[in-house]
Amino acid sequence: MKNIHNMSIGKEIKQERKRQLLTQKQLSEMCNFSQMELSEYENEKRNPSLERLNTLSRVLNKEWKLQ
């Protein structure tokens, strides 16, 4: 589980997506989000709700510890 107090959740999502060699389009489809919504998270224009973050966590098989 990664502690994300030094990096924003958007940057963490983007980093993990790229680590798994996924495009925004692929990940957004896997999560049933719009690509624009995912882009807004990654570019820190908005924060995901806990429900959306849980979906991302499940799809990416990644846990984040929020502080």
C-alpha atoms as a PDB file:
ATOM      1  CA  MET A   1       0.000   0.000   0.000  1.00  0.00           C
ATOM      2  CA  LYS A   2       1.488   3.326  -1.041  1.00  0.00           C
ATOM      3  CA  ASN A   3       1.212   6.435   1.108  1.00  0.00           C
ATOM      4  CA  ILE A   4       0.455   9.392  -1.142  1.00  0.00           C
ATOM      5  CA  HIS A   5       1.108  12.467   0.973  1.00  0.00           C
ATOM      6  CA  ASN A   6       3.974  13.666  -1.265  1.00  0.00           C
ATOM      7  CA  MET A   7       2.248  13.030  -4.594  1.00  0.00           C
ATOM      8  CA  SER A   8      -1.280  13.920  -5.616  1.00  0.00           C
ATOM      9  CA  ILE A   9      -3.783  11.168  -6.265  1.00  0.00           C
ATOM     10  CA  GLY A  10      -4.046  12.305  -9.889  1.00  0.00           C
ATOM     11  CA  LYS A  11      -0.327  11.848 -10.441  1.00  0.00           C
ATOM     12  CA  GLU A  12      -0.475   8.475  -8.709  1.00  0.00           C
ATOM     13  CA  ILE A  13      -3.315   7.323 -10.969  1.00  0.00           C
ATOM     14  CA  LYS A  14      -1.446   8.452 -14.074  1.00  0.00           C
ATOM     15  CA  GLN A  15       1.808   6.859 -12.934  1.00  0.00           C
ATOM     16  CA  GLU A  16       0.103   3.531 -12.221  1.00  0.00           C
ATOM     17  CA  ARG A  17      -1.821   3.601 -15.509  1.00  0.00           C
ATOM     18  CA  LYS A  18       1.391   4.178 -17.444  1.00  0.00           C
ATOM     19  CA  ARG A  19       3.230   1.519 -15.419  1.00  0.00           C
ATOM     20  CA  GLN A  20       0.583  -0.956 -16.558  1.00  0.00           C
ATOM     21  CA  LEU A  21       0.923   0.260 -20.162  1.00  0.00           C
ATOM     22  CA  LEU A  22      -2.698   1.372 -20.375  1.00  0.00           C
ATOM     23  CA  THR A  23      -4.023   4.345 -22.300  1.00  0.00           C
ATOM     24  CA  GLN A  24      -6.546   6.695 -20.737  1.00  0.00           C
ATOM     25  CA  LYS A  25      -9.125   5.284 -23.123  1.00  0.00           C
ATOM     26  CA  GLN A  26      -8.405   1.696 -22.045  1.00  0.00           C
ATOM     27  CA  LEU A  27      -8.491   2.471 -18.325  1.00  0.00           C
ATOM     28  CA  SER A  28     -11.585   4.633 -18.559  1.00  0.00           C
ATOM     29  CA  GLU A  29     -13.403   1.836 -20.402  1.00  0.00           C
ATOM     30  CA  MET A  30     -12.280  -0.720 -17.820  1.00  0.00           C
ATOM     31  CA  CYS A  31     -13.615   1.537 -15.050  1.00  0.00           C
ATOM     32  CA  ASN A  32     -16.754   2.575 -16.951  1.00  0.00           C
ATOM     33  CA  PHE A  33     -15.727   6.259 -16.684  1.00  0.00           C
ATOM     34  CA  SER A  34     -15.516   8.777 -19.480  1.00  0.00           C
ATOM     35  CA  GLN A  35     -12.029   9.439 -20.773  1.00  0.00           C
ATOM     36  CA  MET A  36     -12.542  13.123 -19.929  1.00  0.00           C
ATOM     37  CA  GLU A  37     -13.286  12.257 -16.299  1.00  0.00           C
ATOM     38  CA  LEU A  38     -10.095  10.207 -16.010  1.00  0.00           C
ATOM     39  CA  SER A  39      -8.118  12.985 -17.683  1.00  0.00           C
ATOM     40  CA  GLU A  40      -9.465  15.488 -15.168  1.00  0.00           C
ATOM     41  CA  TYR A  41      -8.304  13.266 -12.292  1.00  0.00           C
ATOM     42  CA  GLU A  42      -4.845  12.796 -13.791  1.00  0.00           C
ATOM     43  CA  ASN A  43      -4.449  16.494 -14.555  1.00  0.00           C
ATOM     44  CA  GLU A  44      -5.649  17.487 -11.065  1.00  0.00           C
ATOM     45  CA  LYS A  45      -8.685  19.389 -12.330  1.00  0.00           C
ATOM     46  CA  ARG A  46     -10.866  17.373  -9.964  1.00  0.00           C
ATOM     47  CA  ASN A  47     -10.506  14.637  -7.380  1.00  0.00           C
ATOM     48  CA  PRO A  48     -12.173  11.252  -7.670  1.00  0.00           C
ATOM     49  CA  SER A  49     -14.899  10.396  -5.179  1.00  0.00           C
ATOM     50  CA  LEU A  50     -14.158   7.515  -2.830  1.00  0.00           C
ATOM     51  CA  GLU A  51     -16.399   5.322  -4.984  1.00  0.00           C
ATOM     52  CA  ARG A  52     -14.400   6.214  -8.115  1.00  0.00           C
ATOM     53  CA  LEU A  53     -11.111   5.765  -6.277  1.00  0.00           C
ATOM     54  CA  ASN A  54     -12.256   2.322  -5.121  1.00  0.00           C
ATOM     55  CA  THR A  55     -13.072   1.408  -8.719  1.00  0.00           C
ATOM     56  CA  LEU A  56      -9.641   2.583  -9.890  1.00  0.00           C
ATOM     57  CA  SER A  57      -8.001   0.679  -7.052  1.00  0.00           C
ATOM     58  CA  ARG A  58      -9.840  -2.523  -7.957  1.00  0.00           C
ATOM     59  CA  VAL A  59      -9.204  -2.251 -11.703  1.00  0.00           C
ATOM     60  CA  LEU A  60      -5.526  -1.352 -11.290  1.00  0.00           C
ATOM     61  CA  ASN A  61      -5.092  -3.832  -8.424  1.00  0.00           C
ATOM     62  CA  LYS A  62      -3.518  -1.042  -6.398  1.00  0.00           C
ATOM     63  CA  GLU A  63      -4.172   0.240  -2.889  1.00  0.00           C
ATOM     64  CA  TRP A  64      -3.576   3.802  -1.819  1.00  0.00           C
ATOM     65  CA  LYS A  65      -3.416   5.055   1.734  1.00  0.00           C
ATOM     66  CA  LEU A  66      -4.873   8.544   1.800  1.00  0.00           C
ATOM     67  CA  GLN A  67      -3.755  11.047   4.409  1.00  0.00           C
END
